[in-house]
Amino acid sequence: MRVGVPTEIKEEEYRVALTPAGTKELASRGHEVLIQAGAGECSLFPDDAYAAAGARIVADAEALFTQAQLIVKVKEPLRREYLLFEPRHILFTFLHLAPDQGLTKGLIESGATCLAYETVETPDGRRPLLAPMSEIAGRLAPQVGAYFLERMRGGKGKLLGGATGVKAANVVILGAGIAGANAACIASGMGAHTKILDIDLDALAAVQRRLPAVETLHSDQLTIEEEVGKADVVIGAVLVSGARTPILVSETLVQAMEPGSVIVDLSVDQGGCVATSRATTHRDPTFVKHGLIHYCVDNMAGVVPITSTLALTNATLPYILAVADRGVVGAIHSDAALARGVNVMEGKVTMREVAEATGNPYFPLEYVLPIEYM
């Protein structure tokens, strides 16, 4: 199979979807790998390294899309990219379709088969391709909160860990999944008074065992109102696979927080869990609403591309190899987790949560695939 890796064109996106090591694995199995010139430079992977691993370097995205069948990316395609897709293409990337009707419509019209990293899900509920980016974003969030809490950045002027005889800042984390647990680890390690909320008691218990200094609380509306209202930093780390993130923090609650507090909404790529959130970029990462600093960068892990690229491709490569080796239908048939990753196929939305969020008809995957494969 011809596997194409384009240069990411989302603003301030520095990651790349395949490393030279991954290229060598594909090439050793007889697949042809096409790398757009310069695709890996910001992750310190020059074209020469890909060529030495067996890739062919192509000049631009148009040439790559024309020649490749499997397109492997990091972030969702922008309009000028998804207009290049055809029914013969297989797209494998982060998609986050729930809040983006335009992208969903474009992929439906392309006829391409579109798999989302974030919805690949094992029978026990793990999301192996989302996990590394959630880990990194979670670890970055308290750093970001501490930075923008500084007075010269517009914050109220508190040190996250306090000082001798002075209270530490209050950090409230919504969601005890991978992102939330990692945020709790870093915030607690920085000395903040850290609380984490979730409806999943098992997830809270896991955090409590690992981080006994972190206070775990069951998430309900009253508790959210009480804790967010007192917070210096709120970190939103809520995820519902494939669906739009539920809004847990209302605009009224945002207004009740102290001016100069900071909101870091890691859920913004799925719509955000704070009513006042909207996606921002690394170039212009924050905005102020009701006196609060909002940091809502929707490709947060892209700010550390070397770490992020290596962590992501360590997770994605086995699935990329499976699709390349067996074809998309054979790979889906062999792996229920990968089947869960199919969001759009043959012009139809095949994931219920995406269909409901974007207002499109839902077609079960077995309706679209030949019956012998399901």
Protein backbone atom coordinates (compact mmCIF):
# COMPACT_ATOMS: atom_id res chain seq x y z
CA MET A 1 0.00 0.00 0.00
CA ARG A 2 1.14 3.57 -0.63
CA VAL A 3 1.17 5.48 2.65
CA GLY A 4 1.30 9.27 2.50
CA VAL A 5 2.35 11.63 5.29
CA PRO A 6 1.56 15.29 4.53
CA THR A 7 2.98 18.31 6.31
CA GLU A 8 0.52 19.50 8.95
CA ILE A 9 -0.99 22.86 7.99
CA LYS A 10 -3.04 23.65 11.09
CA GLU A 11 -1.72 26.86 12.63
CA GLU A 12 1.24 26.27 14.95
CA GLU A 13 1.09 22.49 14.52
CA TYR A 14 4.61 21.08 14.67
CA ARG A 15 4.02 17.34 14.98
CA VAL A 16 4.31 14.77 12.20
CA ALA A 17 2.33 11.55 11.86
CA LEU A 18 5.18 9.14 11.17
CA THR A 19 8.81 8.91 12.27
CA PRO A 20 11.70 7.55 10.21
CA ALA A 21 11.53 4.44 12.41
CA GLY A 22 7.89 3.94 11.45
CA THR A 23 8.80 4.55 7.82
CA LYS A 24 11.39 1.78 7.98
CA GLU A 25 8.84 -0.64 9.49
CA LEU A 26 6.39 0.03 6.66
CA ALA A 27 9.06 -0.15 3.97
CA SER A 28 10.38 -3.46 5.34
CA ARG A 29 6.91 -4.94 4.79
CA GLY A 30 6.85 -3.86 1.17
CA HIS A 31 4.80 -0.68 1.50
CA GLU A 32 5.75 2.54 -0.25
CA VAL A 33 5.97 5.57 2.04
CA LEU A 34 5.58 9.09 0.64
CA ILE A 35 6.64 12.01 2.85
CA GLN A 36 5.85 15.59 1.95
CA ALA A 37 9.01 17.68 1.92
CA GLY A 38 9.63 19.24 5.31
CA ALA A 39 6.90 17.31 7.10
CA GLY A 40 9.12 16.23 9.98
CA GLU A 41 11.45 19.19 10.34
CA CYS A 42 9.75 20.72 13.41
CA SER A 43 10.02 17.37 15.18
CA LEU A 44 13.72 17.25 14.19
CA PHE A 45 13.20 14.57 11.55
CA PRO A 46 14.79 15.90 8.31
CA ASP A 47 13.87 14.65 4.86
CA ASP A 48 17.21 12.86 4.64
CA ALA A 49 16.30 10.69 7.64
CA TYR A 50 13.07 9.60 5.96
CA ALA A 51 14.82 8.94 2.66
CA ALA A 52 17.43 6.82 4.44
CA ALA A 53 14.59 4.83 6.03
CA GLY A 54 13.12 4.07 2.61
CA ALA A 55 10.65 6.90 2.00
CA ARG A 56 10.19 8.87 -1.18
CA ILE A 57 10.03 12.63 -0.65
CA VAL A 58 7.33 14.46 -2.63
CA ALA A 59 7.15 18.18 -3.18
CA ASP A 60 3.63 19.08 -2.10
CA ALA A 61 0.34 17.84 -0.68
CA GLU A 62 -1.38 17.63 -4.05
CA ALA A 63 1.24 15.21 -5.39
CA LEU A 64 1.10 13.17 -2.20
CA PHE A 65 -2.69 12.86 -2.16
CA THR A 66 -2.72 11.94 -5.84
CA GLN A 67 -0.33 9.05 -5.33
CA ALA A 68 -1.09 7.74 -1.81
CA GLN A 69 -4.00 5.58 -0.68
CA LEU A 70 -3.57 5.67 3.11
CA ILE A 71 -3.16 9.23 4.40
CA VAL A 72 -1.74 9.42 7.91
CA LYS A 73 -1.97 12.75 9.73
CA VAL A 74 -1.92 14.22 13.23
CA LYS A 75 -4.72 16.79 13.19
CA GLU A 76 -8.04 16.98 11.39
CA PRO A 77 -7.82 18.01 7.74
CA LEU A 78 -8.56 21.62 6.89
CA ARG A 79 -10.76 22.49 3.93
CA ARG A 80 -7.98 22.66 1.36
CA GLU A 81 -6.94 19.16 2.46
CA TYR A 82 -10.29 17.41 2.63
CA LEU A 83 -11.16 18.69 -0.83
CA LEU A 84 -8.32 16.46 -2.06
CA PHE A 85 -9.87 13.27 -0.70
CA GLU A 86 -11.45 10.70 -3.01
CA PRO A 87 -13.34 7.44 -2.35
CA ARG A 88 -10.09 5.46 -2.77
CA HIS A 89 -8.49 7.23 0.20
CA ILE A 90 -8.19 6.03 3.79
CA LEU A 91 -7.63 8.81 6.31
CA PHE A 92 -6.19 8.01 9.75
CA THR A 93 -5.81 10.97 12.13
CA PHE A 94 -7.36 12.84 15.02
CA LEU A 95 -10.75 13.99 13.69
CA HIS A 96 -12.88 15.34 16.58
CA LEU A 97 -15.90 15.58 14.30
CA ALA A 98 -18.60 16.16 16.92
CA PRO A 99 -18.27 19.97 17.05
CA ASP A 100 -17.40 20.39 13.35
CA GLN A 101 -20.31 19.93 10.96
CA GLY A 102 -18.37 21.45 8.05
CA LEU A 103 -15.54 18.94 8.26
CA THR A 104 -17.99 16.07 8.72
CA LYS A 105 -19.91 17.16 5.61
CA GLY A 106 -16.66 17.45 3.63
CA LEU A 107 -15.54 13.96 4.57
CA ILE A 108 -18.97 12.51 3.79
CA GLU A 109 -18.89 14.12 0.35
CA SER A 110 -15.35 12.86 -0.32
CA GLY A 111 -16.40 9.21 -0.03
CA ALA A 112 -13.16 8.45 1.81
CA THR A 113 -12.87 6.02 4.70
CA CYS A 114 -12.03 8.10 7.77
CA LEU A 115 -10.67 6.64 10.99
CA ALA A 116 -10.21 8.76 14.11
CA TYR A 117 -7.40 8.09 16.55
CA GLU A 118 -9.53 9.33 19.44
CA THR A 119 -12.35 6.80 18.95
CA VAL A 120 -10.21 3.67 18.58
CA GLU A 121 -11.40 1.94 21.73
CA THR A 122 -10.67 -1.48 23.20
CA PRO A 123 -13.45 -3.62 24.71
CA ASP A 124 -12.37 -2.59 28.21
CA GLY A 125 -12.80 1.10 27.37
CA ARG A 126 -9.18 2.10 26.80
CA ARG A 127 -8.37 4.57 24.02
CA PRO A 128 -4.78 3.66 23.17
CA LEU A 129 -4.22 6.30 20.48
CA LEU A 130 -5.69 9.16 22.48
CA ALA A 131 -3.84 8.22 25.66
CA PRO A 132 -0.36 9.63 24.87
CA MET A 133 -1.69 13.05 23.82
CA SER A 134 -4.01 13.14 26.85
CA GLU A 135 -1.03 12.38 29.06
CA ILE A 136 1.02 15.20 27.57
CA ALA A 137 -1.82 17.74 27.58
CA GLY A 138 -2.60 16.83 31.18
CA ARG A 139 1.00 17.39 32.20
CA LEU A 140 1.15 20.71 30.37
CA ALA A 141 -2.09 22.09 31.84
CA PRO A 142 -0.83 22.98 35.36
CA GLN A 143 2.27 24.62 33.84
CA VAL A 144 0.01 26.74 31.67
CA GLY A 145 -2.26 27.55 34.60
CA ALA A 146 0.68 28.58 36.77
CA TYR A 147 2.11 30.79 34.01
CA PHE A 148 -1.09 32.68 33.31
CA LEU A 149 -1.88 33.00 37.01
CA GLU A 150 1.08 35.38 37.23
CA ARG A 151 0.10 39.02 37.54
CA MET A 152 2.19 40.16 34.58
CA ARG A 153 0.25 37.66 32.41
CA GLY A 154 -3.08 39.08 33.57
CA GLY A 155 -3.69 36.58 36.37
CA LYS A 156 -4.52 37.31 39.98
CA GLY A 157 -0.88 36.96 41.04
CA LYS A 158 -0.75 33.70 42.97
CA LEU A 159 2.07 31.18 43.03
CA LEU A 160 0.59 27.75 42.40
CA GLY A 161 2.47 26.17 45.29
CA GLY A 162 2.17 29.10 47.68
CA ALA A 163 5.03 29.81 50.10
CA THR A 164 5.94 29.21 53.72
CA GLY A 165 3.00 30.46 55.79
CA VAL A 166 0.99 31.29 52.63
CA LYS A 167 -1.79 29.17 51.16
CA ALA A 168 -1.21 27.39 47.89
CA ALA A 169 -3.48 28.07 44.92
CA ASN A 170 -6.62 25.99 44.46
CA VAL A 171 -6.59 23.82 41.34
CA VAL A 172 -9.83 22.07 40.37
CA ILE A 173 -9.70 19.38 37.69
CA LEU A 174 -12.86 18.15 35.98
CA GLY A 175 -12.37 14.57 34.82
CA ALA A 176 -10.18 11.80 36.26
CA GLY A 177 -9.21 10.13 33.01
CA ILE A 178 -5.67 10.11 31.66
CA ALA A 179 -5.51 13.87 31.08
CA GLY A 180 -7.08 14.73 34.42
CA ALA A 181 -4.97 12.27 36.41
CA ASN A 182 -1.78 13.58 34.84
CA ALA A 183 -2.85 17.17 35.49
CA ALA A 184 -3.47 16.23 39.12
CA CYS A 185 -0.02 14.64 39.37
CA ILE A 186 1.76 17.76 38.11
CA ALA A 187 -0.42 20.27 39.99
CA SER A 188 0.03 18.37 43.25
CA GLY A 189 3.75 18.05 42.59
CA MET A 190 3.93 21.83 42.15
CA GLY A 191 2.42 22.20 45.60
CA ALA A 192 -1.07 23.31 44.63
CA HIS A 193 -4.13 22.40 46.69
CA THR A 194 -5.54 20.00 44.10
CA LYS A 195 -9.04 18.56 43.77
CA ILE A 196 -10.27 16.26 41.03
CA LEU A 197 -13.91 15.55 40.20
CA ASP A 198 -15.46 12.69 38.25
CA ILE A 199 -18.60 10.57 38.19
CA ASP A 200 -16.49 7.42 37.83
CA LEU A 201 -15.67 6.27 41.36
CA ASP A 202 -13.18 3.69 40.08
CA ALA A 203 -11.25 6.44 38.29
CA LEU A 204 -11.27 8.56 41.44
CA ALA A 205 -10.08 5.60 43.50
CA ALA A 206 -7.17 5.07 41.08
CA VAL A 207 -6.15 8.72 41.47
CA GLN A 208 -6.44 8.49 45.24
CA ARG A 209 -4.20 5.42 45.39
CA ARG A 210 -1.60 7.05 43.18
CA LEU A 211 -1.85 10.60 44.55
CA PRO A 212 -2.95 10.56 48.19
CA ALA A 213 -2.41 14.33 48.53
CA VAL A 214 -5.09 15.00 45.86
CA GLU A 215 -8.66 15.35 47.10
CA THR A 216 -11.11 13.28 45.06
CA LEU A 217 -14.75 14.33 44.81
CA HIS A 218 -17.79 12.87 43.11
CA SER A 219 -18.86 15.18 40.31
CA ASP A 220 -22.37 16.60 40.55
CA GLN A 221 -23.66 20.06 39.74
CA LEU A 222 -23.66 21.32 43.31
CA THR A 223 -20.09 20.13 43.96
CA ILE A 224 -18.91 21.62 40.67
CA GLU A 225 -20.46 24.97 41.58
CA GLU A 226 -18.91 24.94 45.05
CA GLU A 227 -15.42 23.93 43.97
CA VAL A 228 -15.11 25.87 40.72
CA GLY A 229 -16.33 29.00 42.45
CA LYS A 230 -13.33 28.82 44.82
CA ALA A 231 -10.74 27.77 42.23
CA ASP A 232 -7.74 29.76 41.08
CA VAL A 233 -7.17 27.37 38.16
CA VAL A 234 -9.83 25.14 36.57
CA ILE A 235 -8.65 22.39 34.23
CA GLY A 236 -11.34 20.83 32.03
CA ALA A 237 -10.39 17.24 31.16
CA VAL A 238 -13.73 15.70 30.24
CA LEU A 239 -14.19 13.32 27.31
CA VAL A 240 -17.11 11.38 25.87
CA SER A 241 -15.86 9.21 23.01
CA GLY A 242 -16.96 10.62 19.65
CA ALA A 243 -19.53 12.98 21.18
CA ARG A 244 -19.52 16.66 21.99
CA THR A 245 -18.16 17.32 25.46
CA PRO A 246 -20.90 18.12 27.98
CA ILE A 247 -20.79 21.64 29.40
CA LEU A 248 -20.11 21.29 33.12
CA VAL A 249 -19.25 24.92 33.90
CA SER A 250 -21.98 27.37 33.00
CA GLU A 251 -21.38 30.99 32.06
CA THR A 252 -23.06 32.00 35.30
CA LEU A 253 -20.50 29.94 37.22
CA VAL A 254 -17.65 31.49 35.24
CA GLN A 255 -18.96 34.92 36.27
CA ALA A 256 -18.92 33.81 39.92
CA MET A 257 -15.18 33.02 39.87
CA GLU A 258 -12.63 35.56 41.06
CA PRO A 259 -11.20 37.84 38.36
CA GLY A 260 -7.71 36.80 37.30
CA SER A 261 -8.44 33.10 37.71
CA VAL A 262 -7.44 30.78 34.86
CA ILE A 263 -9.43 28.22 32.89
CA VAL A 264 -7.51 25.60 30.88
CA ASP A 265 -10.03 23.67 28.80
CA LEU A 266 -8.40 20.53 27.44
CA SER A 267 -11.79 19.41 26.12
CA VAL A 268 -12.07 22.23 23.60
CA ASP A 269 -11.27 20.03 20.59
CA GLN A 270 -14.57 18.24 21.32
CA GLY A 271 -16.44 21.50 21.98
CA GLY A 272 -15.22 22.28 25.50
CA CYS A 273 -16.65 21.64 28.97
CA VAL A 274 -16.81 25.32 29.93
CA ALA A 275 -19.61 27.42 28.44
CA THR A 276 -17.31 30.34 27.65
CA SER A 277 -14.58 28.28 25.94
CA ARG A 278 -13.66 28.69 22.29
CA ALA A 279 -10.71 27.24 20.45
CA THR A 280 -7.49 29.26 20.44
CA THR A 281 -4.04 28.80 18.91
CA HIS A 282 -0.48 28.67 20.21
CA ARG A 283 0.13 32.03 18.53
CA ASP A 284 -2.80 33.62 20.38
CA PRO A 285 -3.52 31.13 23.19
CA THR A 286 -5.73 33.07 25.58
CA PHE A 287 -8.69 35.39 25.79
CA VAL A 288 -10.39 37.11 28.71
CA LYS A 289 -14.09 36.60 29.41
CA HIS A 290 -15.79 37.89 32.56
CA GLY A 291 -12.35 38.78 33.93
CA LEU A 292 -11.04 35.20 33.62
CA ILE A 293 -8.15 34.06 31.45
CA HIS A 294 -9.19 31.22 29.14
CA TYR A 295 -6.53 28.99 27.60
CA CYS A 296 -8.22 26.77 25.00
CA VAL A 297 -5.57 25.67 22.50
CA ASP A 298 -7.05 22.71 20.64
CA ASN A 299 -3.72 21.15 19.70
CA MET A 300 -2.01 21.72 23.01
CA ALA A 301 0.45 18.82 22.73
CA GLY A 302 1.80 20.36 19.52
CA VAL A 303 3.83 22.82 21.57
CA VAL A 304 6.23 19.98 22.49
CA PRO A 305 6.44 18.27 19.09
CA ILE A 306 9.46 16.07 19.70
CA THR A 307 7.92 14.44 22.77
CA SER A 308 4.44 14.40 21.24
CA THR A 309 5.44 12.96 17.87
CA LEU A 310 7.39 10.13 19.45
CA ALA A 311 4.65 9.34 21.96
CA LEU A 312 1.89 9.44 19.35
CA THR A 313 3.66 7.36 16.73
CA ASN A 314 4.66 4.74 19.31
CA ALA A 315 0.94 4.20 19.81
CA THR A 316 -0.34 4.58 16.24
CA LEU A 317 2.25 2.54 14.34
CA PRO A 318 0.79 -0.93 15.10
CA TYR A 319 -2.61 0.23 13.80
CA ILE A 320 -1.08 1.90 10.73
CA LEU A 321 0.77 -1.32 9.97
CA ALA A 322 -2.43 -3.33 10.35
CA VAL A 323 -4.31 -1.14 7.85
CA ALA A 324 -1.41 -1.18 5.40
CA ASP A 325 -0.86 -4.95 5.69
CA ARG A 326 -4.49 -6.14 5.61
CA GLY A 327 -6.34 -3.30 3.94
CA VAL A 328 -8.87 -1.27 5.88
CA VAL A 329 -11.66 -3.87 5.70
CA GLY A 330 -9.41 -6.73 6.76
CA ALA A 331 -7.91 -4.68 9.60
CA ILE A 332 -11.34 -3.64 10.87
CA HIS A 333 -12.55 -7.21 10.71
CA SER A 334 -9.56 -8.37 12.76
CA ASP A 335 -9.71 -5.69 15.45
CA ALA A 336 -12.86 -4.44 17.18
CA ALA A 337 -10.95 -1.48 18.64
CA LEU A 338 -9.97 -0.30 15.17
CA ALA A 339 -13.53 -0.81 13.92
CA ARG A 340 -14.66 1.62 16.61
CA GLY A 341 -12.30 4.15 15.02
CA VAL A 342 -14.25 4.30 11.74
CA ASN A 343 -16.25 7.54 11.77
CA VAL A 344 -17.09 7.96 8.08
CA MET A 345 -17.15 5.36 5.30
CA GLU A 346 -18.57 5.41 1.76
CA GLY A 347 -20.27 8.74 2.39
CA LYS A 348 -21.99 7.62 5.59
CA VAL A 349 -21.40 8.41 9.26
CA THR A 350 -20.76 5.09 10.99
CA MET A 351 -20.40 6.30 14.57
CA ARG A 352 -23.62 7.02 16.42
CA GLU A 353 -22.18 9.75 18.65
CA VAL A 354 -20.79 11.66 15.68
CA ALA A 355 -24.04 11.34 13.74
CA GLU A 356 -26.06 12.65 16.67
CA ALA A 357 -23.69 15.54 17.34
CA THR A 358 -23.51 16.67 13.69
CA GLY A 359 -27.13 16.02 12.67
CA ASN A 360 -26.31 13.34 10.09
CA PRO A 361 -28.01 9.97 9.59
CA TYR A 362 -26.32 7.10 11.41
CA PHE A 363 -25.40 3.93 9.55
CA PRO A 364 -23.97 1.05 11.59
CA LEU A 365 -20.64 -0.14 10.25
CA GLU A 366 -22.08 -3.55 9.40
CA TYR A 367 -24.56 -1.76 7.10
CA VAL A 368 -21.71 -0.26 5.10
CA LEU A 369 -19.18 -3.12 5.02
CA PRO A 370 -19.75 -6.33 3.08
CA ILE A 371 -21.65 -8.73 5.29
CA GLU A 372 -18.92 -11.38 5.21
CA TYR A 373 -16.56 -9.08 7.04
CA MET A 374 -18.81 -8.41 10.03
